PDB file of N, CA and C in Angstrom:
ATOM      1  N   MET A   1     -41.519 126.064  79.629  1.00  0.00           N
ATOM      2  CA  MET A   1     -41.946 125.389  78.410  1.00  0.00           C
ATOM      3  C   MET A   1     -42.976 126.266  77.697  1.00  0.00           C
ATOM      4  N   ALA A   2     -42.793 126.455  76.407  1.00  0.00           N
ATOM      5  CA  ALA A   2     -43.605 127.394  75.653  1.00  0.00           C
ATOM      6  C   ALA A   2     -44.937 126.813  75.164  1.00  0.00           C
ATOM      7  N   GLY A   3     -45.059 125.504  75.068  1.00  0.00           N
ATOM      8  CA  GLY A   3     -46.283 124.919  74.519  1.00  0.00           C
ATOM      9  C   GLY A   3     -46.239 124.918  73.001  1.00  0.00           C
ATOM     10  N   ILE A   4     -47.356 124.550  72.373  1.00  0.00           N
ATOM     11  CA  ILE A   4     -47.398 124.500  70.907  1.00  0.00           C
ATOM     12  C   ILE A   4     -48.709 125.023  70.326  1.00  0.00           C
ATOM     13  N   SER A   5     -49.510 125.703  71.132  1.00  0.00           N
ATOM     14  CA  SER A   5     -50.830 126.123  70.644  1.00  0.00           C
ATOM     15  C   SER A   5     -50.750 127.128  69.502  1.00  0.00           C
ATOM     16  N   GLU A   6     -49.825 128.079  69.574  1.00  0.00           N
ATOM     17  CA  GLU A   6     -49.708 129.073  68.505  1.00  0.00           C
ATOM     18  C   GLU A   6     -49.165 128.433  67.235  1.00  0.00           C
ATOM     19  N   LEU A   7     -48.232 127.513  67.377  1.00  0.00           N
ATOM     20  CA  LEU A   7     -47.698 126.777  66.234  1.00  0.00           C
ATOM     21  C   LEU A   7     -48.817 126.003  65.546  1.00  0.00           C
ATOM     22  N   LYS A   8     -49.671 125.379  66.331  1.00  0.00           N
ATOM     23  CA  LYS A   8     -50.805 124.644  65.759  1.00  0.00           C
ATOM     24  C   LYS A   8     -51.737 125.588  64.998  1.00  0.00           C
ATOM     25  N   ASP A   9     -51.973 126.789  65.540  1.00  0.00           N
ATOM     26  CA  ASP A   9     -52.832 127.762  64.847  1.00  0.00           C
ATOM     27  C   ASP A   9     -52.247 128.140  63.490  1.00  0.00           C
ATOM     28  N   VAL A  10     -50.932 128.358  63.449  1.00  0.00           N
ATOM     29  CA  VAL A  10     -50.275 128.725  62.187  1.00  0.00           C
ATOM     30  C   VAL A  10     -50.325 127.557  61.206  1.00  0.00           C
ATOM     31  N   LEU A  11     -50.038 126.351  61.682  1.00  0.00           N
ATOM     32  CA  LEU A  11     -50.106 125.177  60.815  1.00  0.00           C
ATOM     33  C   LEU A  11     -51.517 124.952  60.287  1.00  0.00           C
ATOM     34  N   LYS A  12     -52.506 125.107  61.155  1.00  0.00           N
ATOM     35  CA  LYS A  12     -53.904 124.908  60.740  1.00  0.00           C
ATOM     36  C   LYS A  12     -54.282 125.890  59.637  1.00  0.00           C
ATOM     37  N   ALA A  13     -53.884 127.153  59.789  1.00  0.00           N
ATOM     38  CA  ALA A  13     -54.180 128.152  58.763  1.00  0.00           C
ATOM     39  C   ALA A  13     -53.490 127.794  57.452  1.00  0.00           C
ATOM     40  N   GLY A  14     -52.218 127.414  57.539  1.00  0.00           N
ATOM     41  CA  GLY A  14     -51.483 127.040  56.330  1.00  0.00           C
ATOM     42  C   GLY A  14     -52.078 125.827  55.644  1.00  0.00           C
ATOM     43  N   ILE A  15     -52.457 124.848  56.426  1.00  0.00           N
ATOM     44  CA  ILE A  15     -53.068 123.634  55.881  1.00  0.00           C
ATOM     45  C   ILE A  15     -54.405 123.957  55.224  1.00  0.00           C
ATOM     46  N   SER A  16     -55.230 124.750  55.897  1.00  0.00           N
ATOM     47  CA  SER A  16     -56.545 125.119  55.347  1.00  0.00           C
ATOM     48  C   SER A  16     -56.400 125.836  54.014  1.00  0.00           C
ATOM     49  N   ILE A  17     -55.491 126.784  53.972  1.00  0.00           N
ATOM     50  CA  ILE A  17     -55.284 127.544  52.735  1.00  0.00           C
ATOM     51  C   ILE A  17     -54.700 126.640  51.653  1.00  0.00           C
ATOM     52  N   GLY A  18     -53.739 125.801  52.011  1.00  0.00           N
ATOM     53  CA  GLY A  18     -53.144 124.875  51.041  1.00  0.00           C
ATOM     54  C   GLY A  18     -54.159 123.908  50.455  1.00  0.00           C
ATOM     55  N   GLU A  19     -55.004 123.352  51.304  1.00  0.00           N
ATOM     56  CA  GLU A  19     -56.045 122.434  50.815  1.00  0.00           C
ATOM     57  C   GLU A  19     -57.030 123.155  49.906  1.00  0.00           C
ATOM     58  N   ALA A  20     -57.390 124.377  50.288  1.00  0.00           N
ATOM     59  CA  ALA A  20     -58.351 125.130  49.488  1.00  0.00           C
ATOM     60  C   ALA A  20     -57.797 125.425  48.094  1.00  0.00           C
ATOM     61  N   LEU A  21     -56.520 125.698  48.019  1.00  0.00           N
ATOM     62  CA  LEU A  21     -55.916 126.059  46.737  1.00  0.00           C
ATOM     63  C   LEU A  21     -55.449 124.858  45.929  1.00  0.00           C
ATOM     64  N   ALA A  22     -55.491 123.659  46.510  1.00  0.00           N
ATOM     65  CA  ALA A  22     -54.995 122.453  45.842  1.00  0.00           C
ATOM     66  C   ALA A  22     -55.752 122.141  44.560  1.00  0.00           C
ATOM     67  N   ASP A  23     -57.013 122.520  44.498  1.00  0.00           N
ATOM     68  CA  ASP A  23     -57.815 122.226  43.304  1.00  0.00           C
ATOM     69  C   ASP A  23     -58.118 123.478  42.493  1.00  0.00           C
ATOM     70  N   GLY A  24     -57.340 124.510  42.693  1.00  0.00           N
ATOM     71  CA  GLY A  24     -57.581 125.773  41.993  1.00  0.00           C
ATOM     72  C   GLY A  24     -58.288 126.749  42.924  1.00  0.00           C
ATOM     73  N   ILE A  25     -58.516 127.941  42.426  1.00  0.00           N
ATOM     74  CA  ILE A  25     -59.123 129.000  43.232  1.00  0.00           C
ATOM     75  C   ILE A  25     -60.582 129.178  42.839  1.00  0.00           C
ATOM     76  N   ASP A  26     -61.455 129.182  43.859  1.00  0.00           N
ATOM     77  CA  ASP A  26     -62.854 129.530  43.627  1.00  0.00           C
ATOM     78  C   ASP A  26     -63.392 130.241  44.862  1.00  0.00           C
ATOM     79  N   ILE A  27     -64.596 130.736  44.802  1.00  0.00           N
ATOM     80  CA  ILE A  27     -65.184 131.545  45.881  1.00  0.00           C
ATOM     81  C   ILE A  27     -65.305 130.756  47.188  1.00  0.00           C
ATOM     82  N   GLY A  28     -65.468 129.457  47.114  1.00  0.00           N
ATOM     83  CA  GLY A  28     -65.582 128.624  48.308  1.00  0.00           C
ATOM     84  C   GLY A  28     -64.302 128.581  49.131  1.00  0.00           C
ATOM     85  N   ASP A  29     -63.202 128.977  48.527  1.00  0.00           N
ATOM     86  CA  ASP A  29     -61.912 128.960  49.225  1.00  0.00           C
ATOM     87  C   ASP A  29     -61.819 130.023  50.322  1.00  0.00           C
ATOM     88  N   ILE A  30     -62.728 130.963  50.309  1.00  0.00           N
ATOM     89  CA  ILE A  30     -62.697 132.022  51.323  1.00  0.00           C
ATOM     90  C   ILE A  30     -62.856 131.465  52.733  1.00  0.00           C
ATOM     91  N   VAL A  31     -63.509 130.325  52.861  1.00  0.00           N
ATOM     92  CA  VAL A  31     -63.687 129.676  54.159  1.00  0.00           C
ATOM     93  C   VAL A  31     -62.333 129.330  54.784  1.00  0.00           C
ATOM     94  N   ALA A  32     -61.357 129.034  53.935  1.00  0.00           N
ATOM     95  CA  ALA A  32     -60.020 128.672  54.433  1.00  0.00           C
ATOM     96  C   ALA A  32     -59.370 129.824  55.193  1.00  0.00           C
ATOM     97  N   LEU A  33     -59.805 131.035  54.918  1.00  0.00           N
ATOM     98  CA  LEU A  33     -59.216 132.191  55.587  1.00  0.00           C
ATOM     99  C   LEU A  33     -59.717 132.369  57.017  1.00  0.00           C
ATOM    100  N   MET A  34     -60.685 131.571  57.425  1.00  0.00           N
ATOM    101  CA  MET A  34     -61.248 131.675  58.777  1.00  0.00           C
ATOM    102  C   MET A  34     -60.204 131.360  59.854  1.00  0.00           C
ATOM    103  N   ASP A  35     -59.215 130.544  59.545  1.00  0.00           N
ATOM    104  CA  ASP A  35     -58.186 130.182  60.516  1.00  0.00           C
ATOM    105  C   ASP A  35     -57.062 131.210  60.592  1.00  0.00           C
ATOM    106  N   LEU A  36     -57.051 132.153  59.666  1.00  0.00           N
ATOM    107  CA  LEU A  36     -55.954 133.115  59.587  1.00  0.00           C
ATOM    108  C   LEU A  36     -55.858 134.060  60.791  1.00  0.00           C
ATOM    109  N   PRO A  37     -56.961 134.613  61.314  1.00  0.00           N
ATOM    110  CA  PRO A  37     -56.824 135.522  62.463  1.00  0.00           C
ATOM    111  C   PRO A  37     -56.150 134.883  63.681  1.00  0.00           C
ATOM    112  N   ALA A  38     -56.481 133.656  63.995  1.00  0.00           N
ATOM    113  CA  ALA A  38     -55.848 132.976  65.135  1.00  0.00           C
ATOM    114  C   ALA A  38     -54.360 132.779  64.873  1.00  0.00           C
ATOM    115  N   ALA A  39     -54.010 132.488  63.626  1.00  0.00           N
ATOM    116  CA  ALA A  39     -52.604 132.287  63.280  1.00  0.00           C
ATOM    117  C   ALA A  39     -51.819 133.587  63.399  1.00  0.00           C
ATOM    118  N   ILE A  40     -52.387 134.659  62.922  1.00  0.00           N
ATOM    119  CA  ILE A  40     -51.702 135.956  62.960  1.00  0.00           C
ATOM    120  C   ILE A  40     -51.583 136.461  64.393  1.00  0.00           C
ATOM    121  N   ASP A  41     -52.615 136.233  65.178  1.00  0.00           N
ATOM    122  CA  ASP A  41     -52.655 136.742  66.551  1.00  0.00           C
ATOM    123  C   ASP A  41     -51.466 136.276  67.388  1.00  0.00           C
ATOM    124  N   GLY A  42     -51.064 135.039  67.257  1.00  0.00           N
ATOM    125  CA  GLY A  42     -49.999 134.511  68.106  1.00  0.00           C
ATOM    126  C   GLY A  42     -48.718 134.172  67.377  1.00  0.00           C
ATOM    127  N   ILE A  43     -48.561 134.689  66.166  1.00  0.00           N
ATOM    128  CA  ILE A  43     -47.414 134.274  65.345  1.00  0.00           C
ATOM    129  C   ILE A  43     -46.072 134.646  65.963  1.00  0.00           C
ATOM    130  N   LYS A  44     -46.033 135.676  66.794  1.00  0.00           N
ATOM    131  CA  LYS A  44     -44.772 136.072  67.429  1.00  0.00           C
ATOM    132  C   LYS A  44     -44.274 135.010  68.413  1.00  0.00           C
ATOM    133  N   GLU A  45     -45.170 134.164  68.896  1.00  0.00           N
ATOM    134  CA  GLU A  45     -44.807 133.118  69.855  1.00  0.00           C
ATOM    135  C   GLU A  45     -44.251 131.862  69.186  1.00  0.00           C
ATOM    136  N   VAL A  46     -44.473 131.727  67.885  1.00  0.00           N
ATOM    137  CA  VAL A  46     -44.111 130.496  67.182  1.00  0.00           C
ATOM    138  C   VAL A  46     -42.612 130.188  67.240  1.00  0.00           C
ATOM    139  N   PRO A  47     -41.720 131.151  67.002  1.00  0.00           N
ATOM    140  CA  PRO A  47     -40.294 130.793  67.096  1.00  0.00           C
ATOM    141  C   PRO A  47     -39.903 130.218  68.455  1.00  0.00           C
ATOM    142  N   ALA A  48     -40.440 130.783  69.530  1.00  0.00           N
ATOM    143  CA  ALA A  48     -40.134 130.259  70.864  1.00  0.00           C
ATOM    144  C   ALA A  48     -40.715 128.859  71.040  1.00  0.00           C
ATOM    145  N   GLU A  49     -41.910 128.637  70.517  1.00  0.00           N
ATOM    146  CA  GLU A  49     -42.518 127.316  70.631  1.00  0.00           C
ATOM    147  C   GLU A  49     -41.722 126.276  69.852  1.00  0.00           C
ATOM    148  N   VAL A  50     -41.255 126.634  68.661  1.00  0.00           N
ATOM    149  CA  VAL A  50     -40.476 125.695  67.863  1.00  0.00           C
ATOM    150  C   VAL A  50     -39.127 125.429  68.533  1.00  0.00           C
ATOM    151  N   ALA A  51     -38.506 126.476  69.042  1.00  0.00           N
ATOM    152  CA  ALA A  51     -37.206 126.316  69.700  1.00  0.00           C
ATOM    153  C   ALA A  51     -37.300 125.417  70.925  1.00  0.00           C
ATOM    154  N   ASP A  52     -38.467 125.403  71.559  1.00  0.00           N
ATOM    155  CA  ASP A  52     -38.684 124.654  72.788  1.00  0.00           C
ATOM    156  C   ASP A  52     -39.312 123.271  72.555  1.00  0.00           C
ATOM    157  N   LEU A  53     -39.513 122.878  71.292  1.00  0.00           N
ATOM    158  CA  LEU A  53     -40.154 121.593  70.997  1.00  0.00           C
ATOM    159  C   LEU A  53     -39.388 120.434  71.613  1.00  0.00           C
ATOM    160  N   ASP A  54     -40.114 119.585  72.298  1.00  0.00           N
ATOM    161  CA  ASP A  54     -39.505 118.336  72.745  1.00  0.00           C
ATOM    162  C   ASP A  54     -40.051 117.206  71.863  1.00  0.00           C
ATOM    163  N   GLU A  55     -39.600 116.005  72.080  1.00  0.00           N
ATOM    164  CA  GLU A  55     -39.999 114.877  71.228  1.00  0.00           C
ATOM    165  C   GLU A  55     -41.510 114.631  71.272  1.00  0.00           C
ATOM    166  N   ALA A  56     -42.112 114.734  72.451  1.00  0.00           N
ATOM    167  CA  ALA A  56     -43.559 114.515  72.580  1.00  0.00           C
ATOM    168  C   ALA A  56     -44.338 115.579  71.813  1.00  0.00           C
ATOM    169  N   GLU A  57     -43.885 116.837  71.890  1.00  0.00           N
ATOM    170  CA  GLU A  57     -44.573 117.916  71.164  1.00  0.00           C
ATOM    171  C   GLU A  57     -44.395 117.761  69.656  1.00  0.00           C
ATOM    172  N   LEU A  58     -43.204 117.349  69.231  1.00  0.00           N
ATOM    173  CA  LEU A  58     -42.969 117.128  67.807  1.00  0.00           C
ATOM    174  C   LEU A  58     -43.863 116.010  67.286  1.00  0.00           C
ATOM    175  N   GLU A  59     -44.017 114.959  68.067  1.00  0.00           N
ATOM    176  CA  GLU A  59     -44.917 113.869  67.687  1.00  0.00           C
ATOM    177  C   GLU A  59     -46.366 114.361  67.645  1.00  0.00           C
ATOM    178  N   GLU A  60     -46.744 115.194  68.614  1.00  0.00           N
ATOM    179  CA  GLU A  60     -48.099 115.761  68.624  1.00  0.00           C
ATOM    180  C   GLU A  60     -48.335 116.627  67.385  1.00  0.00           C
ATOM    181  N   ILE A  61     -47.341 117.417  67.010  1.00  0.00           N
ATOM    182  CA  ILE A  61     -47.461 118.250  65.807  1.00  0.00           C
ATOM    183  C   ILE A  61     -47.580 117.375  64.568  1.00  0.00           C
ATOM    184  N   ASN A  62     -46.774 116.327  64.478  1.00  0.00           N
ATOM    185  CA  ASN A  62     -46.864 115.425  63.327  1.00  0.00           C
ATOM    186  C   ASN A  62     -48.237 114.774  63.249  1.00  0.00           C
ATOM    187  N   ASP A  63     -48.775 114.340  64.384  1.00  0.00           N
ATOM    188  CA  ASP A  63     -50.122 113.759  64.414  1.00  0.00           C
ATOM    189  C   ASP A  63     -51.171 114.803  64.026  1.00  0.00           C
ATOM    190  N   PHE A  64     -50.990 116.027  64.503  1.00  0.00           N
ATOM    191  CA  PHE A  64     -51.898 117.125  64.178  1.00  0.00           C
ATOM    192  C   PHE A  64     -51.924 117.368  62.668  1.00  0.00           C
ATOM    193  N   ILE A  65     -50.750 117.401  62.061  1.00  0.00           N
ATOM    194  CA  ILE A  65     -50.665 117.621  60.616  1.00  0.00           C
ATOM    195  C   ILE A  65     -51.378 116.501  59.871  1.00  0.00           C
ATOM    196  N   LYS A  66     -51.129 115.263  60.276  1.00  0.00           N
ATOM    197  CA  LYS A  66     -51.758 114.120  59.605  1.00  0.00           C
ATOM    198  C   LYS A  66     -53.273 114.129  59.769  1.00  0.00           C
ATOM    199  N   THR A  67     -53.747 114.590  60.928  1.00  0.00           N
ATOM    200  CA  THR A  67     -55.189 114.641  61.187  1.00  0.00           C
ATOM    201  C   THR A  67     -55.855 115.768  60.399  1.00  0.00           C
ATOM    202  N   GLU A  68     -55.217 116.926  60.371  1.00  0.00           N
ATOM    203  CA  GLU A  68     -55.809 118.111  59.751  1.00  0.00           C
ATOM    204  C   GLU A  68     -55.692 118.117  58.236  1.00  0.00           C
ATOM    205  N   PHE A  69     -54.630 117.533  57.709  1.00  0.00           N
ATOM    206  CA  PHE A  69     -54.311 117.656  56.294  1.00  0.00           C
ATOM    207  C   PHE A  69     -54.898 116.494  55.522  1.00  0.00           C
ATOM    208  N   ASP A  70     -55.688 116.810  54.496  1.00  0.00           N
ATOM    209  CA  ASP A  70     -56.309 115.756  53.706  1.00  0.00           C
ATOM    210  C   ASP A  70     -56.414 116.198  52.252  1.00  0.00           C
ATOM    211  N   LEU A  71     -55.611 115.581  51.410  1.00  0.00           N
ATOM    212  CA  LEU A  71     -55.668 115.844  49.974  1.00  0.00           C
ATOM    213  C   LEU A  71     -56.103 114.571  49.261  1.00  0.00           C
ATOM    214  N   PRO A  72     -56.751 114.729  48.107  1.00  0.00           N
ATOM    215  CA  PRO A  72     -57.149 113.536  47.353  1.00  0.00           C
ATOM    216  C   PRO A  72     -55.952 112.700  46.894  1.00  0.00           C
ATOM    217  N   ASP A  73     -54.826 113.329  46.620  1.00  0.00           N
ATOM    218  CA  ASP A  73     -53.622 112.629  46.183  1.00  0.00           C
ATOM    219  C   ASP A  73     -52.835 112.206  47.424  1.00  0.00           C
ATOM    220  N   GLU A  74     -52.929 110.935  47.786  1.00  0.00           N
ATOM    221  CA  GLU A  74     -52.301 110.420  49.008  1.00  0.00           C
ATOM    222  C   GLU A  74     -50.774 110.543  48.985  1.00  0.00           C
ATOM    223  N   ASP A  75     -50.175 110.352  47.820  1.00  0.00           N
ATOM    224  CA  ASP A  75     -48.719 110.473  47.723  1.00  0.00           C
ATOM    225  C   ASP A  75     -48.280 111.917  47.973  1.00  0.00           C
ATOM    226  N   LEU A  76     -48.986 112.857  47.385  1.00  0.00           N
ATOM    227  CA  LEU A  76     -48.678 114.268  47.590  1.00  0.00           C
ATOM    228  C   LEU A  76     -48.903 114.652  49.051  1.00  0.00           C
ATOM    229  N   GLU A  77     -49.982 114.176  49.628  1.00  0.00           N
ATOM    230  CA  GLU A  77     -50.276 114.455  51.036  1.00  0.00           C
ATOM    231  C   GLU A  77     -49.152 113.941  51.941  1.00  0.00           C
ATOM    232  N   ALA A  78     -48.700 112.718  51.721  1.00  0.00           N
ATOM    233  CA  ALA A  78     -47.621 112.142  52.533  1.00  0.00           C
ATOM    234  C   ALA A  78     -46.336 112.951  52.364  1.00  0.00           C
ATOM    235  N   PHE A  79     -46.053 113.370  51.132  1.00  0.00           N
ATOM    236  CA  PHE A  79     -44.856 114.169  50.878  1.00  0.00           C
ATOM    237  C   PHE A  79     -44.918 115.493  51.641  1.00  0.00           C
ATOM    238  N   ILE A  80     -46.053 116.167  51.595  1.00  0.00           N
ATOM    239  CA  ILE A  80     -46.186 117.457  52.277  1.00  0.00           C
ATOM    240  C   ILE A  80     -46.101 117.282  53.786  1.00  0.00           C
ATOM    241  N   GLU A  81     -46.713 116.237  54.317  1.00  0.00           N
ATOM    242  CA  GLU A  81     -46.618 115.965  55.755  1.00  0.00           C
ATOM    243  C   GLU A  81     -45.161 115.766  56.170  1.00  0.00           C
ATOM    244  N   GLU A  82     -44.413 114.987  55.381  1.00  0.00           N
ATOM    245  CA  GLU A  82     -42.997 114.769  55.679  1.00  0.00           C
ATOM    246  C   GLU A  82     -42.201 116.069  55.557  1.00  0.00           C
ATOM    247  N   ALA A  83     -42.537 116.880  54.564  1.00  0.00           N
ATOM    248  CA  ALA A  83     -41.837 118.148  54.372  1.00  0.00           C
ATOM    249  C   ALA A  83     -42.081 119.102  55.542  1.00  0.00           C
ATOM    250  N   LEU A  84     -43.304 119.152  56.039  1.00  0.00           N
ATOM    251  CA  LEU A  84     -43.596 120.006  57.191  1.00  0.00           C
ATOM    252  C   LEU A  84     -42.838 119.535  58.422  1.00  0.00           C
ATOM    253  N   SER A  85     -42.810 118.245  58.630  1.00  0.00           N
ATOM    254  CA  SER A  85     -42.070 117.692  59.760  1.00  0.00           C
ATOM    255  C   SER A  85     -40.586 118.018  59.636  1.00  0.00           C
ATOM    256  N   TRP A  86     -40.037 117.857  58.442  1.00  0.00           N
ATOM    257  CA  TRP A  86     -38.631 118.170  58.199  1.00  0.00           C
ATOM    258  C   TRP A  86     -38.366 119.658  58.439  1.00  0.00           C
ATOM    259  N   ALA A  87     -39.262 120.512  57.957  1.00  0.00           N
ATOM    260  CA  ALA A  87     -39.077 121.956  58.116  1.00  0.00           C
ATOM    261  C   ALA A  87     -39.049 122.345  59.596  1.00  0.00           C
ATOM    262  N   LEU A  88     -39.944 121.779  60.383  1.00  0.00           N
ATOM    263  CA  LEU A  88     -39.957 122.071  61.817  1.00  0.00           C
ATOM    264  C   LEU A  88     -38.656 121.610  62.479  1.00  0.00           C
ATOM    265  N   SER A  89     -38.210 120.421  62.156  1.00  0.00           N
ATOM    266  CA  SER A  89     -36.965 119.909  62.735  1.00  0.00           C
ATOM    267  C   SER A  89     -35.773 120.755  62.309  1.00  0.00           C
ATOM    268  N   THR A  90     -35.740 121.162  61.057  1.00  0.00           N
ATOM    269  CA  THR A  90     -34.645 121.991  60.551  1.00  0.00           C
ATOM    270  C   THR A  90     -34.645 123.353  61.224  1.00  0.00           C
ATOM    271  N   TYR A  91     -35.817 123.936  61.395  1.00  0.00           N
ATOM    272  CA  TYR A  91     -35.898 125.244  62.053  1.00  0.00           C
ATOM    273  C   TYR A  91     -35.440 125.131  63.506  1.00  0.00           C
ATOM    274  N   LYS A  92     -35.801 124.045  64.152  1.00  0.00           N
ATOM    275  CA  LYS A  92     -35.368 123.847  65.537  1.00  0.00           C
ATOM    276  C   LYS A  92     -33.839 123.762  65.603  1.00  0.00           C
ATOM    277  N   LEU A  93     -33.222 123.072  64.676  1.00  0.00           N
ATOM    278  CA  LEU A  93     -31.759 123.007  64.629  1.00  0.00           C
ATOM    279  C   LEU A  93     -31.152 124.390  64.385  1.00  0.00           C
ATOM    280  N   TYR A  94     -31.780 125.163  63.518  1.00  0.00           N
ATOM    281  CA  TYR A  94     -31.304 126.524  63.250  1.00  0.00           C
ATOM    282  C   TYR A  94     -31.332 127.367  64.522  1.00  0.00           C
ATOM    283  N   ILE A  95     -32.422 127.276  65.281  1.00  0.00           N
ATOM    284  CA  ILE A  95     -32.545 128.032  66.538  1.00  0.00           C
ATOM    285  C   ILE A  95     -31.441 127.600  67.507  1.00  0.00           C
ATOM    286  N   ARG A  96     -31.213 126.304  67.624  1.00  0.00           N
ATOM    287  CA  ARG A  96     -30.157 125.805  68.522  1.00  0.00           C
ATOM    288  C   ARG A  96     -28.788 126.303  68.088  1.00  0.00           C
ATOM    289  N   PHE A  97     -28.521 126.297  66.776  1.00  0.00           N
ATOM    290  CA  PHE A  97     -27.249 126.783  66.255  1.00  0.00           C
ATOM    291  C   PHE A  97     -27.087 128.275  66.557  1.00  0.00           C
ATOM    292  N   LYS A  98     -28.145 129.020  66.352  1.00  0.00           N
ATOM    293  CA  LYS A  98     -28.124 130.466  66.618  1.00  0.00           C
ATOM    294  C   LYS A  98     -27.822 130.730  68.098  1.00  0.00           C
ATOM    295  N   GLU A  99     -28.420 129.941  68.977  1.00  0.00           N
ATOM    296  CA  GLU A  99     -28.166 130.087  70.416  1.00  0.00           C
ATOM    297  C   GLU A  99     -26.705 129.750  70.749  1.00  0.00           C
ATOM    298  N   LEU A 100     -26.144 128.746  70.084  1.00  0.00           N
ATOM    299  CA  LEU A 100     -24.737 128.401  70.301  1.00  0.00           C
ATOM    300  C   LEU A 100     -23.826 129.558  69.888  1.00  0.00           C
ATOM    301  N   LYS A 101     -24.132 130.166  68.765  1.00  0.00           N
ATOM    302  CA  LYS A 101     -23.337 131.298  68.286  1.00  0.00           C
ATOM    303  C   LYS A 101     -23.447 132.482  69.253  1.00  0.00           C
ATOM    304  N   GLU A 102     -24.650 132.705  69.781  1.00  0.00           N
ATOM    305  CA  GLU A 102     -24.848 133.803  70.735  1.00  0.00           C
ATOM    306  C   GLU A 102     -24.066 133.537  72.017  1.00  0.00           C
ATOM    307  N   ASP A 103     -24.033 132.273  72.458  1.00  0.00           N
ATOM    308  CA  ASP A 103     -23.271 131.912  73.658  1.00  0.00           C
ATOM    309  C   ASP A 103     -21.781 132.149  73.451  1.00  0.00           C
ATOM    310  N   GLU A 104     -21.279 131.838  72.240  1.00  0.00           N
ATOM    311  CA  GLU A 104     -19.861 132.058  71.935  1.00  0.00           C
ATOM    312  C   GLU A 104     -19.503 133.540  71.947  1.00  0.00           C
ATOM    313  N   GLU A 105     -20.435 134.373  71.481  1.00  0.00           N
ATOM    314  CA  GLU A 105     -20.171 135.801  71.342  1.00  0.00           C
ATOM    315  C   GLU A 105     -20.377 136.574  72.630  1.00  0.00           C
ATOM    316  N   SER A 106     -21.115 136.024  73.577  1.00  0.00           N
ATOM    317  CA  SER A 106     -21.374 136.754  74.812  1.00  0.00           C
ATOM    318  C   SER A 106     -20.131 136.740  75.701  1.00  0.00           C
ATOM    319  N   PRO A 107     -19.806 137.907  76.296  1.00  0.00           N
ATOM    320  CA  PRO A 107     -18.632 137.969  77.174  1.00  0.00           C
ATOM    321  C   PRO A 107     -18.884 137.218  78.472  1.00  0.00           C
ATOM    322  N   GLU A 108     -17.841 136.615  78.977  1.00  0.00           N
ATOM    323  CA  GLU A 108     -17.987 135.835  80.223  1.00  0.00           C
ATOM    324  C   GLU A 108     -17.393 136.533  81.381  1.00  0.00           C
TER     325      GLU A 108
END
């Protein structure tokens, strides 16, 4: 099992940057870049973590997104949370499909 710590680091960085830019760009937004080094450091592990997501981890990621993400526009915030959840689920399906294709192509 791959875990989800690197995925959380990438999501946290994306959320921080997204929130900072939601009201325009100013010098205070530089603080949002503080999460970027942790995200970059383990980004190579993220595809494996997403491919290995189980239902409990997906629920943990959804809770993490809801906890970390806070925009003044509640409707926009809910939409983005749903979009992130959908993107993770879609990527997981893509990985599974890719593995199926690789299994078909491998000689037996």
